[in-house]
N, C-alpha and C. Protein backbone atom coordinates (compact mmCIF):
# COMPACT_ATOMS: atom_id res chain seq x y z
N MET A 1 65.03 -28.61 49.49
CA MET A 1 65.35 -28.46 51.22
C MET A 1 66.54 -30.09 51.25
N ILE A 2 67.31 -29.45 52.07
CA ILE A 2 68.42 -30.25 52.91
C ILE A 2 68.65 -31.39 53.93
N VAL A 3 68.59 -32.55 54.37
CA VAL A 3 68.17 -33.23 55.42
C VAL A 3 69.57 -33.84 55.76
N LEU A 4 70.09 -33.88 56.96
CA LEU A 4 71.43 -34.02 57.18
C LEU A 4 71.49 -35.31 58.03
N LYS A 5 71.73 -36.37 58.08
CA LYS A 5 72.04 -37.02 58.64
C LYS A 5 73.08 -36.95 59.61
N TYR A 6 72.93 -37.00 61.26
CA TYR A 6 73.58 -36.91 62.20
C TYR A 6 73.65 -37.82 63.18
N GLN A 7 75.07 -37.71 63.98
CA GLN A 7 75.27 -38.03 65.65
C GLN A 7 74.65 -37.75 66.34
N LYS A 8 74.13 -37.80 67.95
CA LYS A 8 74.57 -36.94 68.77
C LYS A 8 75.20 -38.24 69.88
N ARG A 9 76.17 -37.98 70.26
CA ARG A 9 76.85 -38.66 71.11
C ARG A 9 77.44 -38.08 72.27
N ASP A 10 78.47 -38.93 73.35
CA ASP A 10 79.26 -38.07 73.76
C ASP A 10 78.30 -37.16 74.74
N GLU A 11 78.65 -35.23 75.33
CA GLU A 11 78.37 -34.75 76.34
C GLU A 11 76.99 -34.45 75.38
N ALA A 12 76.81 -34.69 73.90
CA ALA A 12 75.25 -34.38 73.30
C ALA A 12 74.36 -35.07 73.89
N ARG A 13 74.89 -36.41 74.10
CA ARG A 13 73.36 -37.29 74.58
C ARG A 13 72.94 -36.91 75.87
N PHE A 14 73.33 -35.51 76.12
CA PHE A 14 72.37 -35.14 77.35
C PHE A 14 71.90 -34.26 77.01
N ILE A 15 71.72 -33.48 76.14
CA ILE A 15 71.61 -32.00 75.73
C ILE A 15 69.97 -32.91 75.63
N SER A 16 68.47 -32.31 75.77
CA SER A 16 66.71 -31.97 76.65
C SER A 16 67.07 -31.64 74.92
N HIS A 17 65.57 -32.54 73.97
CA HIS A 17 64.98 -32.25 72.65
C HIS A 17 64.67 -30.74 72.54
N ILE A 18 64.50 -29.70 74.10
CA ILE A 18 63.64 -28.87 73.49
C ILE A 18 65.15 -27.84 73.86
N ASP A 19 66.75 -28.41 74.76
CA ASP A 19 67.67 -27.47 73.95
C ASP A 19 68.02 -28.26 72.85
N LEU A 20 68.25 -28.87 72.44
CA LEU A 20 68.78 -29.41 71.30
C LEU A 20 68.15 -28.00 70.13
N LEU A 21 66.61 -27.86 70.39
CA LEU A 21 66.23 -27.00 69.27
C LEU A 21 67.02 -25.47 68.85
N ARG A 22 67.02 -25.06 70.23
CA ARG A 22 68.12 -23.97 70.86
C ARG A 22 69.74 -24.26 69.64
N HIS A 23 70.40 -25.00 70.11
CA HIS A 23 71.60 -25.03 69.95
C HIS A 23 71.50 -25.52 68.08
N ILE A 24 70.83 -25.96 67.84
CA ILE A 24 70.45 -26.43 65.88
C ILE A 24 70.91 -24.17 65.75
N SER A 25 69.99 -24.32 65.48
CA SER A 25 69.43 -22.57 65.48
C SER A 25 70.80 -22.09 66.28
N ARG A 26 71.16 -21.76 67.01
CA ARG A 26 72.31 -21.11 66.75
C ARG A 26 73.78 -22.37 66.08
N ILE A 27 73.46 -23.28 65.75
CA ILE A 27 74.65 -23.82 64.96
C ILE A 27 74.21 -23.37 63.25
N LEU A 28 73.06 -23.16 63.33
CA LEU A 28 73.10 -23.02 61.68
C LEU A 28 73.29 -21.17 61.31
N LEU A 29 73.23 -20.12 62.44
CA LEU A 29 73.47 -19.32 62.28
C LEU A 29 74.71 -19.00 62.15
N ARG A 30 75.64 -20.11 63.78
CA ARG A 30 77.23 -19.73 63.25
C ARG A 30 78.25 -19.79 61.56
N ALA A 31 77.00 -20.79 60.65
CA ALA A 31 77.34 -22.01 60.20
C ALA A 31 76.74 -20.94 58.89
N GLU A 32 76.00 -19.86 59.23
CA GLU A 32 75.47 -19.05 58.06
C GLU A 32 75.26 -19.53 56.98
N ILE A 33 74.21 -21.17 56.80
CA ILE A 33 73.70 -21.53 56.53
C ILE A 33 71.99 -20.71 56.44
N PRO A 34 71.92 -19.83 55.43
CA PRO A 34 70.51 -18.89 54.86
C PRO A 34 68.97 -20.45 55.17
N VAL A 35 68.23 -20.35 55.94
CA VAL A 35 67.70 -21.05 56.25
C VAL A 35 65.69 -20.18 55.73
N LYS A 36 64.97 -20.85 54.96
CA LYS A 36 64.05 -20.32 54.77
C LYS A 36 62.93 -19.80 55.96
N ARG A 37 61.85 -19.08 55.76
CA ARG A 37 60.88 -19.12 56.97
C ARG A 37 59.38 -18.79 56.54
N SER A 38 58.94 -19.66 57.82
CA SER A 38 57.56 -19.61 57.35
C SER A 38 56.71 -18.24 57.04
N ASN A 39 55.87 -18.10 56.39
CA ASN A 39 55.12 -16.81 55.99
C ASN A 39 53.90 -16.57 57.37
N GLY A 40 53.57 -15.59 57.36
CA GLY A 40 52.33 -15.24 58.23
C GLY A 40 53.00 -14.31 59.33
N PHE A 41 51.86 -14.43 60.69
CA PHE A 41 52.50 -13.35 61.49
C PHE A 41 53.54 -13.55 62.37
N ASN A 42 52.95 -14.49 62.77
CA ASN A 42 54.99 -14.92 63.23
C ASN A 42 55.66 -16.25 62.45
N PRO A 43 56.74 -15.86 61.64
CA PRO A 43 57.65 -16.60 60.83
C PRO A 43 58.63 -17.33 61.56
N HIS A 44 58.53 -18.83 61.28
CA HIS A 44 60.21 -19.20 62.01
C HIS A 44 60.89 -19.85 60.87
N ALA A 45 61.46 -20.73 61.69
CA ALA A 45 62.72 -20.64 61.00
C ALA A 45 62.14 -22.07 60.32
N LEU A 46 62.09 -23.00 58.97
CA LEU A 46 61.82 -23.87 58.10
C LEU A 46 62.35 -24.95 58.07
N VAL A 47 62.43 -25.29 59.93
CA VAL A 47 63.88 -26.79 59.95
C VAL A 47 62.88 -27.29 60.84
N PHE A 48 63.31 -29.06 60.88
CA PHE A 48 62.15 -30.02 61.24
C PHE A 48 63.66 -31.12 61.67
N PHE A 49 62.47 -32.04 62.64
CA PHE A 49 63.04 -33.69 63.14
C PHE A 49 63.19 -34.22 63.40
N SER A 50 63.70 -35.46 63.02
CA SER A 50 63.40 -37.09 63.88
C SER A 50 62.62 -36.83 64.79
N PRO A 51 62.25 -37.83 65.06
CA PRO A 51 61.15 -37.70 66.40
C PRO A 51 62.27 -37.88 67.46
N PRO A 52 61.55 -36.77 68.75
CA PRO A 52 62.45 -37.03 70.50
C PRO A 52 63.65 -38.59 70.52
N LEU A 53 64.89 -37.40 70.74
CA LEU A 53 65.46 -39.11 70.85
C LEU A 53 65.85 -38.89 72.98
N ALA A 54 65.39 -39.55 73.66
CA ALA A 54 65.55 -39.98 75.00
C ALA A 54 66.57 -39.59 75.98
N LEU A 55 66.98 -38.73 76.30
CA LEU A 55 67.80 -38.30 77.34
C LEU A 55 68.84 -39.95 77.45
N GLY A 56 70.20 -38.69 77.40
CA GLY A 56 70.98 -39.74 77.27
C GLY A 56 71.47 -41.09 76.42
N VAL A 57 70.60 -41.62 75.91
CA VAL A 57 71.06 -42.06 74.69
C VAL A 57 72.12 -41.65 73.41
N THR A 58 72.27 -42.20 73.33
CA THR A 58 73.56 -41.96 72.17
C THR A 58 72.47 -42.17 70.72
N SER A 59 72.45 -41.51 69.38
CA SER A 59 72.45 -41.98 68.19
C SER A 59 73.51 -41.89 67.48
N MET A 60 73.15 -43.18 66.31
CA MET A 60 74.45 -42.91 65.18
C MET A 60 73.02 -42.35 64.36
N ALA A 61 72.04 -42.29 64.09
CA ALA A 61 71.28 -41.61 63.15
C ALA A 61 70.24 -40.78 63.31
N GLU A 62 70.03 -39.80 63.44
CA GLU A 62 69.04 -38.49 63.93
C GLU A 62 69.01 -38.27 62.42
N TYR A 63 68.10 -36.93 62.79
CA TYR A 63 67.72 -36.48 61.23
C TYR A 63 67.24 -35.15 61.10
N LEU A 64 67.70 -34.06 59.95
CA LEU A 64 67.52 -33.11 61.09
C LEU A 64 67.54 -32.07 59.35
N THR A 65 65.89 -31.75 58.58
CA THR A 65 65.40 -31.17 57.71
C THR A 65 65.48 -29.94 57.57
N ILE A 66 66.67 -29.52 56.55
CA ILE A 66 66.71 -27.42 56.70
C ILE A 66 66.18 -27.08 55.66
N ASP A 67 65.10 -25.76 55.33
CA ASP A 67 64.60 -25.60 54.19
C ASP A 67 65.69 -24.10 53.54
N THR A 68 66.26 -24.68 52.64
CA THR A 68 67.16 -24.02 52.14
C THR A 68 67.28 -24.03 51.02
N ASP A 69 68.15 -23.32 49.88
CA ASP A 69 68.87 -23.52 48.75
C ASP A 69 70.29 -23.96 48.74
N MET A 70 71.02 -24.28 49.69
CA MET A 70 72.25 -23.54 49.45
C MET A 70 73.02 -25.47 49.60
N PRO A 71 73.53 -25.94 48.54
CA PRO A 71 74.07 -26.96 48.10
C PRO A 71 74.59 -28.31 49.75
N ALA A 72 74.08 -29.42 49.25
CA ALA A 72 74.09 -30.54 50.63
C ALA A 72 75.14 -30.10 50.89
N GLU A 73 76.31 -30.76 50.09
CA GLU A 73 77.37 -30.56 50.26
C GLU A 73 78.62 -29.98 51.27
N GLU A 74 77.72 -28.34 50.75
CA GLU A 74 78.40 -27.13 51.55
C GLU A 74 77.40 -26.75 52.84
N VAL A 75 76.22 -27.35 52.58
CA VAL A 75 75.34 -27.53 54.09
C VAL A 75 75.86 -28.49 55.52
N LEU A 76 76.63 -29.60 54.63
CA LEU A 76 77.07 -30.67 55.32
C LEU A 76 78.42 -29.89 55.91
N THR A 77 79.48 -29.59 55.50
CA THR A 77 80.13 -28.76 55.36
C THR A 77 80.87 -27.68 56.35
N ARG A 78 80.02 -26.66 56.67
CA ARG A 78 79.20 -25.80 57.14
C ARG A 78 78.68 -25.94 58.37
N PHE A 79 78.01 -27.14 58.02
CA PHE A 79 77.34 -27.29 59.60
C PHE A 79 78.27 -27.59 61.14
N ASN A 80 79.20 -29.00 60.13
CA ASN A 80 80.36 -29.42 60.74
C ASN A 80 81.26 -28.70 61.52
N ALA A 81 81.38 -27.53 60.80
CA ALA A 81 82.12 -26.98 60.99
C ALA A 81 81.95 -26.29 62.43
N SER A 82 80.91 -25.91 62.78
CA SER A 82 80.16 -25.25 63.52
C SER A 82 79.28 -25.78 64.63
N THR A 83 79.47 -27.04 64.72
CA THR A 83 78.86 -28.05 65.94
C THR A 83 80.31 -28.43 66.93
N PRO A 84 79.24 -28.36 68.14
CA PRO A 84 79.86 -28.85 69.57
C PRO A 84 80.50 -29.35 69.74
N ASN A 85 80.86 -30.39 69.55
CA ASN A 85 81.50 -31.98 70.67
C ASN A 85 80.16 -32.40 70.91
N GLY A 86 80.08 -33.62 70.08
CA GLY A 86 79.32 -34.75 70.07
C GLY A 86 78.02 -34.79 68.69
N LEU A 87 78.41 -33.86 68.45
CA LEU A 87 76.57 -33.54 67.22
C LEU A 87 77.98 -33.69 66.12
N HIS A 88 77.56 -34.13 65.10
CA HIS A 88 78.64 -34.33 63.71
C HIS A 88 77.11 -35.30 62.32
N ALA A 89 76.95 -34.40 61.26
CA ALA A 89 76.53 -34.90 60.48
C ALA A 89 77.48 -35.62 60.38
N ILE A 90 77.31 -36.80 59.45
CA ILE A 90 77.65 -38.05 58.80
C ILE A 90 77.33 -37.80 57.31
N CYS A 91 76.19 -37.26 56.79
CA CYS A 91 75.86 -37.03 55.18
C CYS A 91 74.28 -36.34 54.81
N ALA A 92 74.54 -35.60 53.61
CA ALA A 92 73.72 -34.69 53.40
C ALA A 92 72.66 -35.01 52.12
N TYR A 93 71.48 -35.24 52.31
CA TYR A 93 70.45 -35.38 51.19
C TYR A 93 69.61 -33.95 50.64
N GLY A 94 69.89 -34.14 49.94
CA GLY A 94 69.02 -33.29 48.41
C GLY A 94 67.33 -33.73 48.64
N CYS A 95 66.22 -32.99 48.97
CA CYS A 95 65.30 -33.67 48.14
C CYS A 95 64.00 -32.47 48.09
N GLU A 96 62.77 -32.74 47.70
CA GLU A 96 62.36 -31.41 46.20
C GLU A 96 61.26 -31.58 47.05
N LYS A 97 60.91 -31.71 48.34
CA LYS A 97 60.42 -31.67 49.41
C LYS A 97 60.60 -31.83 51.18
N ASN A 98 60.06 -31.32 51.98
CA ASN A 98 59.85 -32.06 53.07
C ASN A 98 59.54 -33.92 53.12
N PRO A 99 59.86 -34.23 53.45
CA PRO A 99 60.26 -35.93 54.06
C PRO A 99 59.46 -35.59 55.65
N ASN A 100 58.71 -35.15 55.79
CA ASN A 100 58.40 -35.12 57.11
C ASN A 100 58.34 -36.60 57.87
N LEU A 101 59.56 -36.34 58.15
CA LEU A 101 60.09 -37.37 59.13
C LEU A 101 59.40 -36.98 60.80
N GLN A 102 59.28 -36.08 61.43
CA GLN A 102 59.24 -36.49 62.45
C GLN A 102 57.30 -37.14 62.35
N ALA A 103 56.78 -37.71 61.18
CA ALA A 103 55.66 -37.44 61.56
C ALA A 103 55.49 -39.34 60.60
N ARG A 104 56.76 -39.52 60.19
CA ARG A 104 56.38 -41.00 59.17
C ARG A 104 57.40 -41.76 59.54
N VAL A 105 58.60 -41.32 60.87
CA VAL A 105 59.01 -42.75 61.30
C VAL A 105 58.38 -43.20 61.99
N SER A 106 58.40 -44.82 62.11
CA SER A 106 57.45 -45.50 63.08
C SER A 106 57.95 -46.81 63.73
N ALA A 107 60.04 -46.54 63.80
CA ALA A 107 60.47 -47.74 64.67
C ALA A 107 61.59 -47.03 64.06
N ALA A 108 62.82 -47.90 65.34
CA ALA A 108 63.75 -46.91 65.01
C ALA A 108 64.37 -48.97 66.27
N ASP A 109 65.82 -49.27 65.78
CA ASP A 109 66.73 -49.90 66.37
C ASP A 109 67.75 -49.29 67.74
N TYR A 110 67.83 -50.20 68.35
CA TYR A 110 68.35 -49.98 69.64
C TYR A 110 69.35 -50.91 69.80
N ILE A 111 71.31 -51.30 70.27
CA ILE A 111 71.51 -52.19 70.90
C ILE A 111 71.56 -51.58 72.37
N TYR A 112 71.51 -52.86 73.28
CA TYR A 112 71.67 -52.41 74.28
C TYR A 112 72.44 -53.57 75.42
N PRO A 113 73.02 -53.12 76.26
CA PRO A 113 74.26 -53.23 76.92
C PRO A 113 74.23 -54.52 77.46
N TYR A 114 73.57 -55.84 76.11
CA TYR A 114 73.39 -56.85 77.41
C TYR A 114 73.84 -57.82 76.12
N PRO A 115 74.29 -58.86 76.42
CA PRO A 115 74.84 -59.58 75.61
C PRO A 115 73.94 -60.49 74.62
N TYR A 116 73.92 -60.62 73.60
CA TYR A 116 72.09 -61.19 73.31
C TYR A 116 72.04 -63.03 73.25
N ARG A 117 70.32 -62.75 73.86
CA ARG A 117 70.30 -64.21 73.89
C ARG A 117 68.53 -64.07 73.54
N GLU A 118 68.03 -65.86 73.18
CA GLU A 118 66.79 -65.41 72.84
C GLU A 118 66.09 -64.92 74.33
N ILE A 119 64.55 -63.59 73.74
CA ILE A 119 63.65 -63.66 74.59
C ILE A 119 62.73 -63.68 74.39
N ASP A 120 61.63 -64.14 74.84
CA ASP A 120 60.73 -63.93 74.70
C ASP A 120 59.73 -62.85 75.20
N PHE A 121 59.46 -61.52 74.01
CA PHE A 121 58.54 -60.44 74.18
C PHE A 121 57.47 -60.70 73.68
N SER A 122 56.68 -61.71 73.94
CA SER A 122 55.34 -62.04 73.81
C SER A 122 54.64 -61.40 74.97
N ARG A 123 55.24 -61.38 75.66
CA ARG A 123 54.58 -60.60 76.84
C ARG A 123 55.31 -59.60 78.22
N VAL A 124 55.49 -57.73 77.83
CA VAL A 124 56.08 -57.52 78.56
C VAL A 124 55.80 -56.27 79.29
N VAL A 125 56.12 -56.03 80.03
CA VAL A 125 55.35 -55.43 81.09
C VAL A 125 56.54 -54.83 81.50
N ILE A 126 56.10 -52.97 81.20
CA ILE A 126 57.10 -51.92 82.16
C ILE A 126 56.70 -50.95 83.11
N GLU A 127 57.01 -50.84 83.77
CA GLU A 127 56.52 -49.94 85.12
C GLU A 127 57.90 -48.92 84.90
N TYR A 128 56.82 -48.04 85.16
CA TYR A 128 56.62 -46.48 84.97
C TYR A 128 56.61 -45.12 85.85
N GLN A 129 57.40 -44.29 86.21
CA GLN A 129 56.19 -42.55 86.88
C GLN A 129 56.18 -41.89 85.82
N LYS A 130 54.86 -41.18 85.99
CA LYS A 130 54.49 -40.49 85.13
C LYS A 130 53.51 -39.69 85.79
N LYS A 131 53.60 -38.28 86.10
CA LYS A 131 53.21 -37.37 86.77
C LYS A 131 52.50 -37.68 88.34
N GLY A 132 54.42 -38.44 89.35
CA GLY A 132 53.54 -38.98 89.77
C GLY A 132 53.21 -40.21 90.68
N GLU A 133 52.58 -40.92 89.52
CA GLU A 133 52.00 -42.21 89.63
C GLU A 133 53.28 -43.11 89.24
N THR A 134 52.85 -43.92 89.30
CA THR A 134 52.98 -45.35 89.24
C THR A 134 52.23 -46.11 87.42
N VAL A 135 53.16 -46.13 86.32
CA VAL A 135 51.70 -46.47 85.51
C VAL A 135 52.54 -48.00 84.60
N LYS A 136 52.36 -48.80 85.14
CA LYS A 136 52.26 -50.15 84.17
C LYS A 136 51.79 -50.73 82.48
N GLU A 137 52.68 -50.85 81.48
CA GLU A 137 51.74 -51.31 80.74
C GLU A 137 52.56 -52.11 79.85
N ASP A 138 52.02 -52.78 79.13
CA ASP A 138 52.44 -53.93 78.59
C ASP A 138 52.81 -53.45 76.89
N VAL A 139 54.15 -53.84 76.65
CA VAL A 139 54.42 -52.96 75.27
C VAL A 139 55.43 -54.13 74.14
N SER A 140 54.60 -55.43 74.56
CA SER A 140 54.88 -56.62 74.20
C SER A 140 54.64 -55.90 71.94
N SER A 141 53.46 -55.30 71.97
CA SER A 141 52.83 -54.84 70.51
C SER A 141 53.58 -53.80 70.07
N LYS A 142 54.85 -52.81 70.63
CA LYS A 142 55.60 -52.02 70.22
C LYS A 142 57.34 -52.41 70.05
N ILE A 143 57.40 -53.84 70.60
CA ILE A 143 58.72 -54.30 70.73
C ILE A 143 58.56 -55.25 68.79
N PHE A 144 59.30 -54.48 67.49
CA PHE A 144 59.20 -55.50 66.70
C PHE A 144 59.59 -56.34 65.88
N SER A 145 61.28 -56.94 66.89
CA SER A 145 61.62 -58.13 66.53
C SER A 145 63.70 -57.80 67.77
N ALA A 146 63.46 -59.23 67.65
CA ALA A 146 65.40 -58.88 68.26
C ALA A 146 66.74 -59.60 67.40
N ARG A 147 67.51 -59.45 67.25
CA ARG A 147 67.94 -59.54 67.05
C ARG A 147 69.75 -60.00 68.16
N ASP A 148 70.93 -60.33 67.12
CA ASP A 148 71.95 -60.43 67.59
C ASP A 148 72.53 -59.26 66.62
N GLU A 149 73.46 -58.15 67.45
CA GLU A 149 74.66 -57.59 66.95
C GLU A 149 75.56 -57.08 67.12
N ASP A 150 76.55 -57.95 66.74
CA ASP A 150 77.75 -57.85 66.64
C ASP A 150 77.90 -59.03 68.45
N GLY A 151 76.67 -59.57 68.56
CA GLY A 151 77.13 -60.59 70.25
C GLY A 151 76.51 -59.82 70.94
N MET A 152 75.70 -58.24 70.45
CA MET A 152 74.71 -57.62 71.39
C MET A 152 73.44 -57.46 71.34
N LEU A 153 72.58 -57.41 72.51
CA LEU A 153 70.74 -57.52 71.94
C LEU A 153 70.53 -56.52 71.33
N CYS A 154 70.41 -55.93 70.18
CA CYS A 154 69.69 -54.93 69.67
C CYS A 154 68.34 -55.44 68.94
N LEU A 155 67.36 -54.51 69.79
CA LEU A 155 65.71 -54.55 69.23
C LEU A 155 65.16 -53.36 68.69
N ARG A 156 64.27 -53.99 67.74
CA ARG A 156 64.02 -52.64 66.91
C ARG A 156 62.34 -52.32 67.94
N LEU A 157 62.12 -51.10 68.17
CA LEU A 157 61.05 -50.71 68.89
C LEU A 157 60.42 -49.60 67.93
N ALA A 158 58.97 -49.09 68.50
CA ALA A 158 58.02 -48.46 68.12
C ALA A 158 58.84 -47.13 68.52
N THR A 159 58.18 -46.19 67.46
CA THR A 159 58.75 -44.46 67.92
C THR A 159 57.54 -43.81 67.46
N GLY A 160 58.08 -42.06 67.49
CA GLY A 160 56.95 -41.63 66.72
C GLY A 160 55.60 -41.28 67.01
N GLY A 161 54.29 -41.27 67.01
CA GLY A 161 53.55 -41.55 67.43
C GLY A 161 52.58 -41.88 68.45
N VAL A 162 53.46 -44.12 68.15
CA VAL A 162 52.88 -44.74 68.50
C VAL A 162 54.74 -45.19 69.01
N ASN A 163 55.00 -44.92 70.32
CA ASN A 163 56.23 -44.70 71.06
C ASN A 163 56.97 -45.93 72.14
N LEU A 164 58.05 -46.23 71.97
CA LEU A 164 58.40 -46.98 73.48
C LEU A 164 59.62 -46.12 73.12
N ARG A 165 59.56 -45.87 74.56
CA ARG A 165 61.16 -45.34 75.38
C ARG A 165 61.69 -45.86 75.37
N PRO A 166 63.14 -45.61 74.81
CA PRO A 166 63.89 -47.06 74.89
C PRO A 166 64.41 -47.36 76.29
N ASP A 167 64.71 -46.16 77.36
CA ASP A 167 65.52 -46.05 78.82
C ASP A 167 64.22 -46.29 79.88
N ARG A 168 62.87 -46.77 79.26
CA ARG A 168 61.98 -47.41 80.04
C ARG A 168 62.07 -49.02 79.76
N LEU A 169 62.44 -49.20 79.43
CA LEU A 169 62.67 -50.76 79.01
C LEU A 169 63.31 -51.27 80.09
N LEU A 170 64.43 -50.34 80.40
CA LEU A 170 65.83 -51.11 81.28
C LEU A 170 65.76 -51.59 81.63
N ALA A 171 64.65 -51.19 82.74
CA ALA A 171 65.02 -51.99 84.20
C ALA A 171 63.92 -53.77 84.41
N THR A 172 62.94 -53.69 82.89
CA THR A 172 62.58 -55.26 82.43
C THR A 172 63.79 -55.64 82.14
N LEU A 173 64.86 -54.79 80.99
CA LEU A 173 65.39 -56.44 80.51
C LEU A 173 66.73 -56.64 82.26
N ASP A 174 67.03 -55.71 83.00
CA ASP A 174 67.63 -56.09 84.02
C ASP A 174 67.29 -57.27 84.41
N GLY A 175 66.12 -57.04 85.00
CA GLY A 175 65.31 -58.16 85.76
C GLY A 175 66.00 -59.33 84.79
N ILE A 176 65.54 -59.76 82.81
CA ILE A 176 65.96 -60.61 82.84
C ILE A 176 66.89 -61.47 82.81
N TYR A 177 67.77 -59.96 82.36
CA TYR A 177 70.01 -60.96 82.31
C TYR A 177 70.24 -60.33 84.05
N GLY A 178 69.80 -60.14 85.14
CA GLY A 178 70.20 -60.20 86.25
C GLY A 178 71.61 -59.08 86.60
N ILE A 179 71.32 -57.75 85.71
CA ILE A 179 72.49 -57.14 85.40
C ILE A 179 72.17 -55.53 85.22
N LYS A 180 72.80 -54.77 85.34
CA LYS A 180 72.60 -53.50 85.76
C LYS A 180 72.69 -52.94 84.12
N GLY A 181 71.85 -52.47 83.86
CA GLY A 181 72.19 -51.49 82.64
C GLY A 181 72.02 -50.03 82.42
N SER A 182 72.77 -49.22 81.95
CA SER A 182 72.48 -47.94 82.03
C SER A 182 72.08 -47.81 80.60
N VAL A 183 71.34 -46.37 81.07
CA VAL A 183 70.46 -45.64 79.18
C VAL A 183 72.20 -45.18 78.47
N THR A 184 73.18 -44.21 79.23
CA THR A 184 73.80 -44.08 78.63
C THR A 184 74.52 -45.52 77.70
N ASP A 185 74.23 -46.56 77.29
CA ASP A 185 75.05 -47.31 77.14
C ASP A 185 73.84 -47.88 75.83
N ILE A 186 72.96 -47.68 75.84
CA ILE A 186 71.92 -47.66 75.14
C ILE A 186 72.68 -46.79 73.24
N ILE A 187 72.42 -47.00 72.70
CA ILE A 187 72.99 -46.80 70.88
C ILE A 187 71.37 -47.07 70.10
N LYS A 188 71.37 -46.64 69.80
CA LYS A 188 70.31 -46.26 68.87
C LYS A 188 70.90 -45.69 67.57
N THR A 189 70.55 -47.55 66.54
CA THR A 189 71.83 -47.47 64.34
C THR A 189 70.60 -46.70 63.85
N ALA A 190 69.34 -47.15 63.88
CA ALA A 190 68.51 -46.58 62.57
C ALA A 190 67.42 -46.15 62.79
N GLN A 191 66.79 -45.38 61.60
CA GLN A 191 65.74 -45.01 61.86
C GLN A 191 64.49 -45.96 60.64
N TYR A 192 62.94 -45.89 61.08
CA TYR A 192 62.73 -46.46 59.56
C TYR A 192 61.13 -45.90 58.90
N VAL A 193 61.22 -46.22 58.00
CA VAL A 193 59.92 -45.80 58.21
C VAL A 193 58.84 -47.24 57.36
N ALA A 194 57.38 -46.94 57.97
CA ALA A 194 56.56 -48.02 57.23
C ALA A 194 56.88 -47.69 55.58
N ALA A 195 56.62 -49.16 54.76
CA ALA A 195 55.49 -48.64 53.92
C ALA A 195 55.75 -50.01 52.91
N ASP A 196 54.32 -50.28 52.43
CA ASP A 196 54.45 -51.81 51.70
C ASP A 196 54.18 -52.96 52.93
N GLY A 197 53.66 -52.76 54.37
CA GLY A 197 53.96 -53.45 55.34
C GLY A 197 54.67 -53.50 55.42
N LYS A 198 55.90 -53.10 55.06
CA LYS A 198 57.81 -53.94 55.84
C LYS A 198 58.27 -52.25 56.68
N PHE A 199 59.42 -51.96 57.25
CA PHE A 199 59.83 -51.38 57.53
C PHE A 199 61.13 -50.84 56.35
N VAL A 200 61.47 -49.53 55.90
CA VAL A 200 62.36 -49.44 55.41
C VAL A 200 63.63 -48.21 55.90
N ASP A 201 65.11 -48.54 55.93
CA ASP A 201 65.37 -47.46 56.31
C ASP A 201 65.25 -46.17 55.63
N VAL A 202 65.14 -45.11 56.24
CA VAL A 202 65.48 -43.92 56.66
C VAL A 202 66.32 -43.38 55.35
N ASP A 203 67.72 -43.78 55.38
CA ASP A 203 68.41 -43.57 54.48
C ASP A 203 67.82 -43.67 52.75
N ASP A 204 67.46 -45.03 52.70
CA ASP A 204 67.29 -45.73 51.65
C ASP A 204 66.03 -44.29 51.40
N ILE A 205 64.59 -44.02 51.81
CA ILE A 205 63.45 -43.04 51.85
C ILE A 205 64.75 -41.62 50.94
N LEU A 206 65.50 -41.61 51.58
CA LEU A 206 66.38 -40.97 51.24
C LEU A 206 67.87 -40.53 49.88
N SER A 207 68.05 -41.67 50.08
CA SER A 207 68.88 -41.50 49.00
C SER A 207 68.46 -41.65 47.35
């Protein structure tokens, strides 16, 4: 198993998760990376992703798991030689088995386009449309921390099975700051797995 850590930015941030699956399949074919397939009546390539990214958000820390016997460095080189603009692998990790990041990742850090200041997140209600209806949701329990990241607001949000989409928080933050933020200015910088009551960076799990 090889896990690629890759960036999704520039034009690529507007590729939906469903379309990303197709793009990655084509990249692996062009790169001639041999991918193992599942058994059974309808075999499929054994390729696995970390939790989906909201459309328009830039990410510096996405993960792609590939079941292949090709060495990690060769996978990294071939992948980058075959990717379109905006998709670029940063590093490759070799794993004995699938780390199952889609199920295990439970938090991610996002830098927002606002200068850092202390905010009371003990009660945060967001409002969004779902299936034509307005939904109001208290998301306070899904905001794990806030910190100063080079003068900008960085929030650690729930992701994975329990999820807070970073774009849905924008309108609430707009109201707090009094300025209009854009989903295209949000940057995901890290993803985390919960272990022993604390969050561990996926890079540390894989290395």
